[in-house]
Amino acid sequence: MNWIITENNKKINSNDIPTLSVEEIKSDVEKMDMRLVGFMGKQEFENVRLYIVMADDKVGRLYVTSTLFAPGVKSYESFTSKFPAFHIFEREFYEEFGIEPLNHPWLKPVRINQDKYPFFEMKGDEIHEVAVGPIHAGVIEPGHFRFMCHGEKVYDLEIMLGYQHRGIEEILIKSNSYNNRLAESVCGDSVIAYNTAYSQIMETLSNSTITSKAQIIRRIALEMERVAVHIGDMGAIAGDIAYSMGASIFGVTRTLIINTMLELSGSRFGRGLINVGGVNFDIDSVLSAKIVKMLDEVAKTVDRTTKVMLKSPTVLSRLERTGVVSYETAKDLGAVGMAAKASGLDIDSRFNFNDEWYKSLDALKPFKATGDVYSRFKLRYKEVKESIQIIKKLLLKLEDFKAEEAFIQPKQTLEPNSFAISMVEGWRGEVVHIALTGANGELLRYKIKDPSFNNWYMLALAVRNNGISDFPLCNKSFNLSYCGNDL
């Protein structure tokens, strides 16, 4: 099998990446028992090179290969009919480079052509369409949801995104210096995850090292982000089923986390905390003790509120067997992160890809997944408790490195002809950044993949055969990102 093997946050020479035919790659993928994490095109003069990255979670390895489309070659036989997880990646590649995956079962736009979008249609005397969005109430970002219903029952949901055209990847390529402020703004509820992935890949490509102190503080902030958003989502789910007590208590409790982040970095969402080279703010013994005290209070409140909530028959009647996505479906679609784990897939890049600060913590506990809203709620509760324990353990480890600097000035030039991947397990799932440099160390390609990119179709399948009134609850239980998709 002619693939180059690498690891998370390790660079390889781009000239060493093999070039295979599409059919050779398909044959290898069929034998691999791995999952797709990268499918990235790059213009090479008149040619187009397609890079494919597969992940082996069992051993923490990444496999990279490529195929080259010569001028005039405008199609190839689609991967998707045999490997459904490729479906959204192939659609994006076609949209960007015009090379068609023949016999793709659902070859529709990902981010463009909203006015001509070919919606799926059903015919029948009692079939009706319900359109929601793209403009929503409040601060929700733009996205269009088209339901095909028979009475109250949803037969099909089609989700159309792509209303925001920010050009994030191109701006990162054209930046004259490191651009952490843009990286942390890609997805506003995942500031730490995105900024960590960007910083790690720039440090990898520039051969810059950061201190153990900085690495630990980044992971503490990442877990605080996870706790804060999960608790907020638990409150939102409670609110959607009119369980007002839970919505109020979880909302107040989330504030304790983000206000502590404010004390750490000057921002409730962690903006300005991370830079290439480390972190801008330290955690001293006083703040560490304050964080532990706050976490103890949060843990007690979340534990008590969740147990009371899940004893309510009316709550359980709304959460259980609503919005079910099976293990088989989640695996076939290449689901990641929280949505995958709630359907029984064991995927977590913190522990699968040999992060030295996570692998010794022994924090993960078994989870009985049922693939419904109840499972997605209960998983958040489980991860809140785990992340609180992780933060406490990391704070203890931080004591061993209190004499270190939090920030070291990074090297300003990137290694030439290099290819690197950075995966960070954000609260939704793995945030993946891929970067490619040229002969002079310039950035040639920067690719970002939000976990929502994998998981939006999961939501579309989750609502089938549910009442349309269950859609807000199903949607909230996934809480996918519009801006993470619309780069």
Protein backbone atom coordinates (compact mmCIF):
# COMPACT_ATOMS: atom_id res chain seq x y z
CA MET A 1 0.00 0.00 0.00
CA ASN A 2 1.65 3.20 -1.21
CA TRP A 3 0.71 5.84 1.35
CA ILE A 4 2.98 7.96 3.54
CA ILE A 5 2.37 7.47 7.27
CA THR A 6 2.45 10.45 9.63
CA GLU A 7 1.01 11.63 12.94
CA ASN A 8 -0.97 14.52 14.32
CA ASN A 9 1.12 17.72 14.37
CA LYS A 10 4.02 16.20 12.44
CA LYS A 11 5.19 17.52 9.09
CA ILE A 12 6.17 15.47 6.07
CA ASN A 13 7.90 16.45 2.85
CA SER A 14 5.17 17.08 0.28
CA ASN A 15 7.42 15.66 -2.44
CA ASP A 16 7.32 12.30 -0.64
CA ILE A 17 3.54 12.01 -0.88
CA PRO A 18 2.77 9.24 -3.42
CA THR A 19 0.68 9.73 -6.53
CA LEU A 20 -1.80 6.92 -7.18
CA SER A 21 -4.68 6.39 -9.55
CA VAL A 22 -8.21 6.84 -8.22
CA GLU A 23 -8.82 3.11 -8.58
CA GLU A 24 -5.67 2.27 -6.61
CA ILE A 25 -6.79 4.59 -3.82
CA LYS A 26 -10.25 3.01 -3.76
CA SER A 27 -8.72 -0.44 -3.51
CA ASP A 28 -6.55 0.68 -0.59
CA VAL A 29 -9.41 2.43 1.22
CA GLU A 30 -11.49 -0.74 1.02
CA LYS A 31 -8.73 -2.67 2.80
CA MET A 32 -7.82 -0.03 5.35
CA ASP A 33 -10.60 -0.07 7.96
CA MET A 34 -9.89 3.62 8.57
CA ARG A 35 -11.90 6.80 8.25
CA LEU A 36 -11.58 9.86 6.04
CA VAL A 37 -10.34 13.09 7.65
CA GLY A 38 -8.99 15.03 4.66
CA PHE A 39 -9.94 15.41 0.98
CA MET A 40 -8.19 18.51 -0.32
CA GLY A 41 -7.57 19.77 -3.84
CA LYS A 42 -4.65 21.91 -4.98
CA GLN A 43 -4.08 23.54 -8.36
CA GLU A 44 -0.65 22.62 -9.81
CA PHE A 45 -0.16 24.66 -12.97
CA GLU A 46 -2.64 23.04 -15.40
CA ASN A 47 -3.12 19.96 -13.19
CA VAL A 48 -5.22 19.44 -10.07
CA ARG A 49 -3.81 17.31 -7.27
CA LEU A 50 -6.19 15.71 -4.81
CA TYR A 51 -4.78 14.86 -1.37
CA ILE A 52 -6.55 12.21 0.71
CA VAL A 53 -5.93 11.66 4.42
CA MET A 54 -7.19 8.60 6.29
CA ALA A 55 -7.06 8.14 10.07
CA ASP A 56 -6.33 4.95 11.97
CA ASP A 57 -7.73 5.73 15.42
CA LYS A 58 -6.57 2.42 16.84
CA VAL A 59 -2.88 3.32 16.58
CA GLY A 60 -3.00 7.11 16.21
CA ARG A 61 -1.62 7.25 12.68
CA LEU A 62 -2.55 9.29 9.61
CA TYR A 63 -2.12 7.97 6.05
CA VAL A 64 -1.64 10.41 3.17
CA THR A 65 -1.66 9.91 -0.58
CA SER A 66 -2.68 11.86 -3.68
CA THR A 67 -3.95 11.54 -7.21
CA LEU A 68 -3.32 13.89 -10.13
CA PHE A 69 -5.92 15.07 -12.64
CA ALA A 70 -4.28 16.16 -15.88
CA PRO A 71 -5.65 19.05 -17.98
CA GLY A 72 -8.86 18.05 -19.69
CA VAL A 73 -9.70 15.34 -17.13
CA LYS A 74 -12.99 16.54 -15.70
CA SER A 75 -14.36 13.44 -14.00
CA TYR A 76 -13.61 10.25 -12.07
CA GLU A 77 -15.74 7.42 -10.73
CA SER A 78 -17.12 8.50 -7.37
CA PHE A 79 -15.94 7.03 -4.07
CA THR A 80 -19.32 7.64 -2.45
CA SER A 81 -21.29 4.71 -3.85
CA LYS A 82 -18.90 2.38 -2.02
CA PHE A 83 -17.79 4.67 0.83
CA PRO A 84 -20.71 6.96 1.84
CA ALA A 85 -18.54 9.03 4.20
CA PHE A 86 -16.90 10.59 1.11
CA HIS A 87 -20.16 12.16 -0.09
CA ILE A 88 -19.75 15.70 1.27
CA PHE A 89 -16.01 15.81 0.57
CA GLU A 90 -16.53 14.91 -3.08
CA ARG A 91 -19.27 17.49 -3.41
CA GLU A 92 -16.94 20.18 -2.04
CA PHE A 93 -14.06 19.10 -4.32
CA TYR A 94 -16.36 19.22 -7.36
CA GLU A 95 -17.61 22.64 -6.35
CA GLU A 96 -14.07 24.01 -5.99
CA PHE A 97 -12.34 22.40 -9.00
CA GLY A 98 -15.09 21.28 -11.40
CA ILE A 99 -13.93 17.64 -11.49
CA GLU A 100 -17.09 15.55 -11.33
CA PRO A 101 -17.42 12.38 -9.24
CA LEU A 102 -19.46 10.29 -11.67
CA ASN A 103 -22.45 8.40 -10.24
CA HIS A 104 -22.36 10.37 -7.02
CA PRO A 105 -25.85 9.81 -5.54
CA TRP A 106 -26.36 13.34 -4.20
CA LEU A 107 -24.14 15.73 -6.18
CA LYS A 108 -25.48 19.05 -4.96
CA PRO A 109 -23.83 22.36 -4.01
CA VAL A 110 -22.19 22.72 -0.62
CA ARG A 111 -21.66 26.46 -0.42
CA ILE A 112 -22.83 28.11 -3.67
CA ASN A 113 -25.82 28.50 -6.03
CA GLN A 114 -28.56 28.95 -3.45
CA ASP A 115 -30.91 30.45 -6.06
CA LYS A 116 -30.73 27.32 -8.22
CA TYR A 117 -30.45 24.67 -5.54
CA PRO A 118 -32.15 21.45 -6.77
CA PHE A 119 -34.26 20.53 -3.76
CA PHE A 120 -35.56 17.00 -3.42
CA GLU A 121 -39.30 16.87 -4.07
CA MET A 122 -42.09 14.46 -3.22
CA LYS A 123 -45.50 14.25 -4.87
CA GLY A 124 -48.81 13.29 -3.32
CA ASP A 125 -52.19 14.71 -2.35
CA GLU A 126 -51.25 15.09 1.32
CA ILE A 127 -47.54 15.87 0.89
CA HIS A 128 -46.56 19.42 1.72
CA GLU A 129 -43.34 21.38 2.02
CA VAL A 130 -42.26 23.47 4.99
CA ALA A 131 -39.44 25.96 4.50
CA VAL A 132 -37.50 27.39 7.44
CA GLY A 133 -34.84 30.07 7.02
CA PRO A 134 -32.36 31.15 5.86
CA ILE A 135 -33.19 34.12 8.07
CA HIS A 136 -33.92 33.03 11.63
CA ALA A 137 -35.03 34.78 14.80
CA GLY A 138 -32.44 36.12 17.22
CA VAL A 139 -28.74 35.62 16.50
CA ILE A 140 -28.90 32.29 14.64
CA GLU A 141 -26.75 32.24 11.51
CA PRO A 142 -28.27 31.74 8.04
CA GLY A 143 -29.25 28.27 6.87
CA HIS A 144 -32.25 26.94 4.97
CA PHE A 145 -34.19 23.83 6.00
CA ARG A 146 -36.69 22.29 3.54
CA PHE A 147 -39.04 19.66 5.00
CA MET A 148 -41.18 17.23 3.03
CA CYS A 149 -44.06 16.27 5.29
CA HIS A 150 -47.11 14.06 5.36
CA GLY A 151 -49.28 15.68 7.94
CA GLU A 152 -46.99 16.28 10.92
CA LYS A 153 -44.55 13.50 9.99
CA VAL A 154 -41.25 14.45 8.35
CA TYR A 155 -40.40 12.22 5.40
CA ASP A 156 -37.30 14.14 4.36
CA LEU A 157 -35.25 17.16 5.39
CA GLU A 158 -32.81 18.89 3.10
CA ILE A 159 -30.36 21.41 4.55
CA MET A 160 -28.90 24.16 2.39
CA LEU A 161 -26.00 26.20 3.76
CA GLY A 162 -23.37 28.42 2.16
CA TYR A 163 -24.87 31.85 2.80
CA GLN A 164 -21.66 33.23 4.34
CA HIS A 165 -18.73 33.76 1.98
CA ARG A 166 -15.82 34.83 4.16
CA GLY A 167 -12.86 33.34 2.30
CA ILE A 168 -11.17 32.26 5.53
CA GLU A 169 -8.73 29.81 3.96
CA GLU A 170 -7.58 32.29 1.31
CA ILE A 171 -7.07 35.04 3.90
CA LEU A 172 -4.91 32.74 6.02
CA ILE A 173 -2.76 31.97 2.97
CA LYS A 174 -2.32 35.66 2.14
CA SER A 175 -1.57 36.78 5.71
CA ASN A 176 1.93 38.25 5.99
CA SER A 177 2.33 36.98 9.55
CA TYR A 178 0.65 34.58 11.93
CA ASN A 179 -3.06 35.34 12.12
CA ASN A 180 -4.36 33.98 15.41
CA ARG A 181 -7.09 36.57 15.62
CA LEU A 182 -8.63 35.28 12.39
CA ALA A 183 -8.13 31.63 13.39
CA GLU A 184 -10.06 32.11 16.63
CA SER A 185 -12.85 33.91 14.75
CA VAL A 186 -13.63 31.12 12.27
CA CYS A 187 -16.18 29.57 14.63
CA GLY A 188 -17.14 31.75 17.58
CA ASP A 189 -18.22 28.98 19.93
CA SER A 190 -14.98 27.01 19.35
CA VAL A 191 -12.38 29.75 19.82
CA ILE A 192 -9.92 27.59 21.73
CA ALA A 193 -10.23 24.54 19.47
CA TYR A 194 -9.69 26.53 16.28
CA ASN A 195 -6.90 28.70 17.61
CA THR A 196 -5.12 25.66 19.04
CA ALA A 197 -5.30 23.79 15.72
CA TYR A 198 -3.99 26.81 13.81
CA SER A 199 -1.20 27.49 16.31
CA GLN A 200 -0.11 23.86 16.37
CA ILE A 201 0.13 23.58 12.61
CA MET A 202 2.10 26.83 12.32
CA GLU A 203 4.45 25.70 15.10
CA THR A 204 4.90 22.38 13.33
CA LEU A 205 5.68 23.98 9.98
CA SER A 206 8.05 26.57 11.49
CA ASN A 207 9.87 24.12 13.78
CA SER A 208 8.85 26.26 16.76
CA THR A 209 8.65 24.70 20.21
CA ILE A 210 6.39 25.78 23.03
CA THR A 211 6.74 25.10 26.72
CA SER A 212 4.94 22.41 28.67
CA LYS A 213 3.24 25.19 30.62
CA ALA A 214 1.73 26.63 27.43
CA GLN A 215 0.60 23.20 26.22
CA ILE A 216 -1.16 22.48 29.50
CA ILE A 217 -2.88 25.89 29.66
CA ARG A 218 -4.19 25.39 26.12
CA ARG A 219 -5.73 22.07 27.13
CA ILE A 220 -7.23 23.51 30.30
CA ALA A 221 -8.87 26.20 28.20
CA LEU A 222 -10.06 23.61 25.67
CA GLU A 223 -11.77 21.60 28.41
CA MET A 224 -13.30 24.73 29.90
CA GLU A 225 -14.71 25.55 26.48
CA ARG A 226 -16.14 22.03 26.29
CA VAL A 227 -17.74 22.27 29.75
CA ALA A 228 -19.21 25.71 29.09
CA VAL A 229 -20.81 24.87 25.75
CA HIS A 230 -22.09 21.47 26.86
CA ILE A 231 -23.80 22.98 29.89
CA GLY A 232 -25.27 25.71 27.71
CA ASP A 233 -26.58 23.09 25.30
CA MET A 234 -28.09 21.07 28.14
CA GLY A 235 -29.97 24.21 29.09
CA ALA A 236 -31.07 24.78 25.51
CA ILE A 237 -32.40 21.22 25.24
CA ALA A 238 -34.23 21.70 28.52
CA GLY A 239 -35.71 24.92 27.18
CA ASP A 240 -36.91 23.25 23.99
CA ILE A 241 -38.99 20.76 25.99
CA ALA A 242 -40.30 23.50 28.29
CA TYR A 243 -38.34 22.25 31.29
CA SER A 244 -37.77 25.80 32.50
CA MET A 245 -35.98 24.95 35.73
CA GLY A 246 -33.25 23.09 33.85
CA ALA A 247 -32.92 25.84 31.26
CA SER A 248 -32.47 28.47 33.98
CA ILE A 249 -30.05 26.53 36.18
CA PHE A 250 -27.86 25.31 33.33
CA GLY A 251 -27.77 28.82 31.87
CA VAL A 252 -26.60 30.35 35.13
CA THR A 253 -24.07 27.56 35.70
CA ARG A 254 -22.51 28.00 32.26
CA THR A 255 -21.86 31.63 33.17
CA LEU A 256 -19.58 30.56 36.02
CA ILE A 257 -17.30 28.84 33.50
CA ILE A 258 -17.12 31.62 30.95
CA ASN A 259 -16.68 34.29 33.62
CA THR A 260 -13.65 32.36 34.86
CA MET A 261 -12.32 32.30 31.30
CA LEU A 262 -12.77 36.08 31.35
CA GLU A 263 -10.50 36.29 34.39
CA LEU A 264 -7.90 34.16 32.61
CA SER A 265 -7.79 35.87 29.22
CA GLY A 266 -9.93 39.01 29.29
CA SER A 267 -12.57 37.32 27.13
CA ARG A 268 -15.42 35.04 28.19
CA PHE A 269 -14.77 32.94 25.09
CA GLY A 270 -10.97 32.80 25.37
CA ARG A 271 -10.15 35.26 22.61
CA GLY A 272 -6.59 36.48 22.84
CA LEU A 273 -5.41 33.60 25.02
CA ILE A 274 -3.50 31.57 22.39
CA ASN A 275 -0.79 32.67 20.00
CA VAL A 276 1.66 30.79 17.84
CA GLY A 277 4.46 30.25 20.37
CA GLY A 278 2.32 29.54 23.41
CA VAL A 279 -0.25 31.47 25.43
CA ASN A 280 -0.49 35.11 26.45
CA PHE A 281 -1.71 34.56 30.00
CA ASP A 282 -0.53 32.38 32.87
CA ILE A 283 -2.50 30.50 35.52
CA ASP A 284 -0.95 31.19 38.91
CA SER A 285 -1.72 29.34 42.14
CA VAL A 286 -4.43 31.82 43.15
CA LEU A 287 -6.33 31.48 39.87
CA SER A 288 -5.79 27.72 39.89
CA ALA A 289 -7.43 27.43 43.32
CA LYS A 290 -10.29 29.64 42.14
CA ILE A 291 -10.84 27.44 39.07
CA VAL A 292 -10.97 24.29 41.21
CA LYS A 293 -13.47 25.84 43.61
CA MET A 294 -15.63 27.00 40.72
CA LEU A 295 -15.51 23.57 39.08
CA ASP A 296 -16.59 21.87 42.30
CA GLU A 297 -19.61 24.16 42.49
CA VAL A 298 -20.43 23.57 38.82
CA ALA A 299 -20.12 19.79 39.17
CA LYS A 300 -22.53 19.68 42.12
CA THR A 301 -25.10 21.87 40.38
CA VAL A 302 -24.96 20.01 37.07
CA ASP A 303 -25.10 16.64 38.80
CA ARG A 304 -28.10 17.57 40.94
CA THR A 305 -30.03 19.28 38.14
CA THR A 306 -29.43 16.49 35.62
CA LYS A 307 -30.52 13.74 37.99
CA VAL A 308 -33.72 15.56 38.89
CA MET A 309 -34.44 16.34 35.23
CA LEU A 310 -33.94 12.78 34.03
CA LYS A 311 -36.32 11.42 36.67
CA SER A 312 -39.19 13.28 35.07
CA PRO A 313 -41.41 11.04 32.89
CA THR A 314 -42.41 13.99 30.72
CA VAL A 315 -38.76 14.86 30.07
CA LEU A 316 -37.92 11.28 29.18
CA SER A 317 -40.93 11.04 26.87
CA ARG A 318 -39.53 13.95 24.83
CA LEU A 319 -35.89 12.85 24.79
CA GLU A 320 -36.01 9.10 24.41
CA ARG A 321 -36.40 7.63 20.89
CA THR A 322 -36.51 11.12 19.38
CA GLY A 323 -34.13 11.89 16.52
CA VAL A 324 -32.50 8.47 16.42
CA VAL A 325 -29.37 7.87 14.32
CA SER A 326 -28.10 4.30 14.45
CA TYR A 327 -24.50 3.20 14.92
CA GLU A 328 -24.43 1.81 11.38
CA THR A 329 -25.69 5.06 9.85
CA ALA A 330 -23.28 7.19 11.87
CA LYS A 331 -20.34 5.02 10.82
CA ASP A 332 -21.33 4.96 7.15
CA LEU A 333 -21.67 8.75 7.07
CA GLY A 334 -18.31 9.32 8.75
CA ALA A 335 -19.79 11.04 11.80
CA VAL A 336 -17.31 12.50 14.27
CA GLY A 337 -17.23 13.90 17.77
CA MET A 338 -20.21 14.15 20.03
CA ALA A 339 -22.72 13.16 17.34
CA ALA A 340 -20.70 10.01 16.60
CA LYS A 341 -20.22 9.03 20.25
CA ALA A 342 -23.93 9.45 20.96
CA SER A 343 -24.57 6.81 18.28
CA GLY A 344 -21.96 4.43 19.68
CA LEU A 345 -18.84 5.33 17.68
CA ASP A 346 -15.75 5.58 19.86
CA ILE A 347 -13.92 8.55 18.30
CA ASP A 348 -11.94 11.10 20.32
CA SER A 349 -8.75 12.58 18.89
CA ARG A 350 -7.58 13.68 22.35
CA PHE A 351 -6.99 10.07 23.30
CA ASN A 352 -6.67 8.36 19.89
CA PHE A 353 -3.78 10.46 18.63
CA ASN A 354 -1.31 10.20 21.48
CA ASP A 355 -1.51 13.63 23.05
CA GLU A 356 0.97 13.34 25.91
CA TRP A 357 -1.10 15.50 28.26
CA TYR A 358 -4.27 13.48 27.81
CA LYS A 359 -3.15 9.89 27.44
CA SER A 360 -2.13 9.47 31.09
CA LEU A 361 -5.30 10.94 32.60
CA ASP A 362 -7.52 7.84 32.45
CA ALA A 363 -10.56 10.08 32.15
CA LEU A 364 -12.85 8.33 29.67
CA LYS A 365 -15.64 6.14 30.99
CA PRO A 366 -17.86 3.73 29.02
CA PHE A 367 -20.99 5.24 27.53
CA LYS A 368 -24.14 3.38 26.56
CA ALA A 369 -25.26 5.11 23.38
CA THR A 370 -28.80 4.99 22.02
CA GLY A 371 -28.42 7.49 19.16
CA ASP A 372 -31.36 9.68 20.23
CA VAL A 373 -31.75 13.12 21.82
CA TYR A 374 -31.55 11.48 25.24
CA SER A 375 -28.16 10.01 24.34
CA ARG A 376 -26.85 13.34 23.06
CA PHE A 377 -28.03 15.04 26.26
CA LYS A 378 -26.59 12.34 28.52
CA LEU A 379 -23.28 12.38 26.64
CA ARG A 380 -22.91 16.09 27.33
CA TYR A 381 -23.48 15.42 31.01
CA LYS A 382 -20.86 12.66 30.95
CA GLU A 383 -18.32 14.83 29.15
CA VAL A 384 -18.91 17.75 31.53
CA LYS A 385 -18.01 15.53 34.48
CA GLU A 386 -14.99 14.06 32.66
CA SER A 387 -13.69 17.44 31.55
CA ILE A 388 -13.93 18.82 35.07
CA GLN A 389 -11.73 15.98 36.27
CA ILE A 390 -9.33 16.53 33.36
CA ILE A 391 -8.98 20.23 34.21
CA LYS A 392 -8.21 19.44 37.84
CA LYS A 393 -5.54 16.92 36.87
CA LEU A 394 -4.00 19.32 34.36
CA LEU A 395 -3.89 22.07 36.99
CA LEU A 396 -1.89 19.72 39.22
CA LYS A 397 0.50 18.97 36.35
CA LEU A 398 0.87 22.70 35.75
CA GLU A 399 2.50 23.07 39.17
CA ASP A 400 5.51 21.12 37.89
CA PHE A 401 6.18 23.75 35.21
CA LYS A 402 5.45 27.00 37.04
CA ALA A 403 8.98 28.29 36.38
CA GLU A 404 8.58 28.01 32.61
CA GLU A 405 7.60 30.82 30.27
CA ALA A 406 4.07 30.81 28.89
CA PHE A 407 5.19 32.19 25.53
CA ILE A 408 8.34 31.81 23.42
CA GLN A 409 8.75 33.92 20.30
CA PRO A 410 8.17 31.53 17.37
CA LYS A 411 10.23 31.30 14.21
CA GLN A 412 8.72 33.42 11.47
CA THR A 413 9.50 31.27 8.43
CA LEU A 414 7.88 27.98 7.47
CA GLU A 415 9.69 24.89 6.25
CA PRO A 416 9.54 24.54 2.44
CA ASN A 417 7.72 21.73 0.65
CA SER A 418 5.95 20.59 3.81
CA PHE A 419 2.56 19.05 4.53
CA ALA A 420 1.07 18.96 8.03
CA ILE A 421 -2.19 18.06 9.76
CA SER A 422 -3.44 19.33 13.11
CA MET A 423 -6.46 17.71 14.76
CA VAL A 424 -8.00 19.14 17.93
CA GLU A 425 -11.00 17.59 19.64
CA GLY A 426 -13.32 20.54 20.09
CA TRP A 427 -16.60 20.15 21.93
CA ARG A 428 -18.42 19.22 18.68
CA GLY A 429 -15.65 16.88 17.58
CA GLU A 430 -12.38 17.03 15.71
CA VAL A 431 -11.38 20.34 14.15
CA VAL A 432 -8.95 19.50 11.32
CA HIS A 433 -6.46 21.96 9.80
CA ILE A 434 -4.25 20.91 6.86
CA ALA A 435 -1.48 23.11 5.46
CA LEU A 436 0.85 22.81 2.48
CA THR A 437 3.93 24.98 1.83
CA GLY A 438 5.84 25.66 -1.37
CA ALA A 439 9.51 25.71 -2.33
CA ASN A 440 10.11 29.01 -0.50
CA GLY A 441 8.14 28.11 2.61
CA GLU A 442 5.09 30.08 1.47
CA LEU A 443 1.61 28.75 2.28
CA LEU A 444 0.14 27.25 -0.88
CA ARG A 445 -3.00 25.69 0.56
CA TYR A 446 -4.79 25.86 3.89
CA LYS A 447 -7.76 23.57 4.49
CA ILE A 448 -10.15 23.66 7.43
CA LYS A 449 -12.73 21.03 8.33
CA ASP A 450 -15.23 21.62 11.11
CA PRO A 451 -16.89 18.54 12.66
CA SER A 452 -20.23 19.89 11.47
CA PHE A 453 -19.06 19.29 7.89
CA ASN A 454 -19.32 15.56 8.65
CA ASN A 455 -22.44 15.77 10.76
CA TRP A 456 -25.01 18.01 9.05
CA TYR A 457 -26.42 15.07 7.12
CA MET A 458 -26.78 13.22 10.43
CA LEU A 459 -29.33 15.85 11.46
CA ALA A 460 -31.22 15.45 8.18
CA LEU A 461 -31.58 11.70 8.83
CA ALA A 462 -32.35 12.14 12.54
CA VAL A 463 -35.63 13.96 11.90
CA ARG A 464 -37.06 11.43 9.44
CA ASN A 465 -40.28 9.84 10.73
CA ASN A 466 -40.39 12.31 13.60
CA GLY A 467 -43.00 15.01 14.00
CA ILE A 468 -41.97 18.34 12.53
CA SER A 469 -42.42 19.88 15.99
CA ASP A 470 -39.48 17.72 17.12
CA PHE A 471 -37.10 19.44 14.70
CA PRO A 472 -36.00 22.27 17.05
CA LEU A 473 -35.20 19.69 19.72
CA CYS A 474 -33.28 17.46 17.29
CA ASN A 475 -31.45 20.47 15.89
CA LYS A 476 -30.46 21.67 19.35
CA SER A 477 -29.28 18.22 20.35
CA PHE A 478 -26.69 18.31 17.55
CA ASN A 479 -26.01 22.08 17.70
CA LEU A 480 -24.01 22.09 14.47
CA SER A 481 -22.11 25.07 13.14
CA TYR A 482 -23.19 27.19 10.18
CA CYS A 483 -20.03 29.28 10.08
CA GLY A 484 -17.83 26.20 10.51
CA ASN A 485 -19.35 24.96 7.25
CA ASP A 486 -19.45 28.30 5.43
CA LEU A 487 -15.76 29.14 5.31
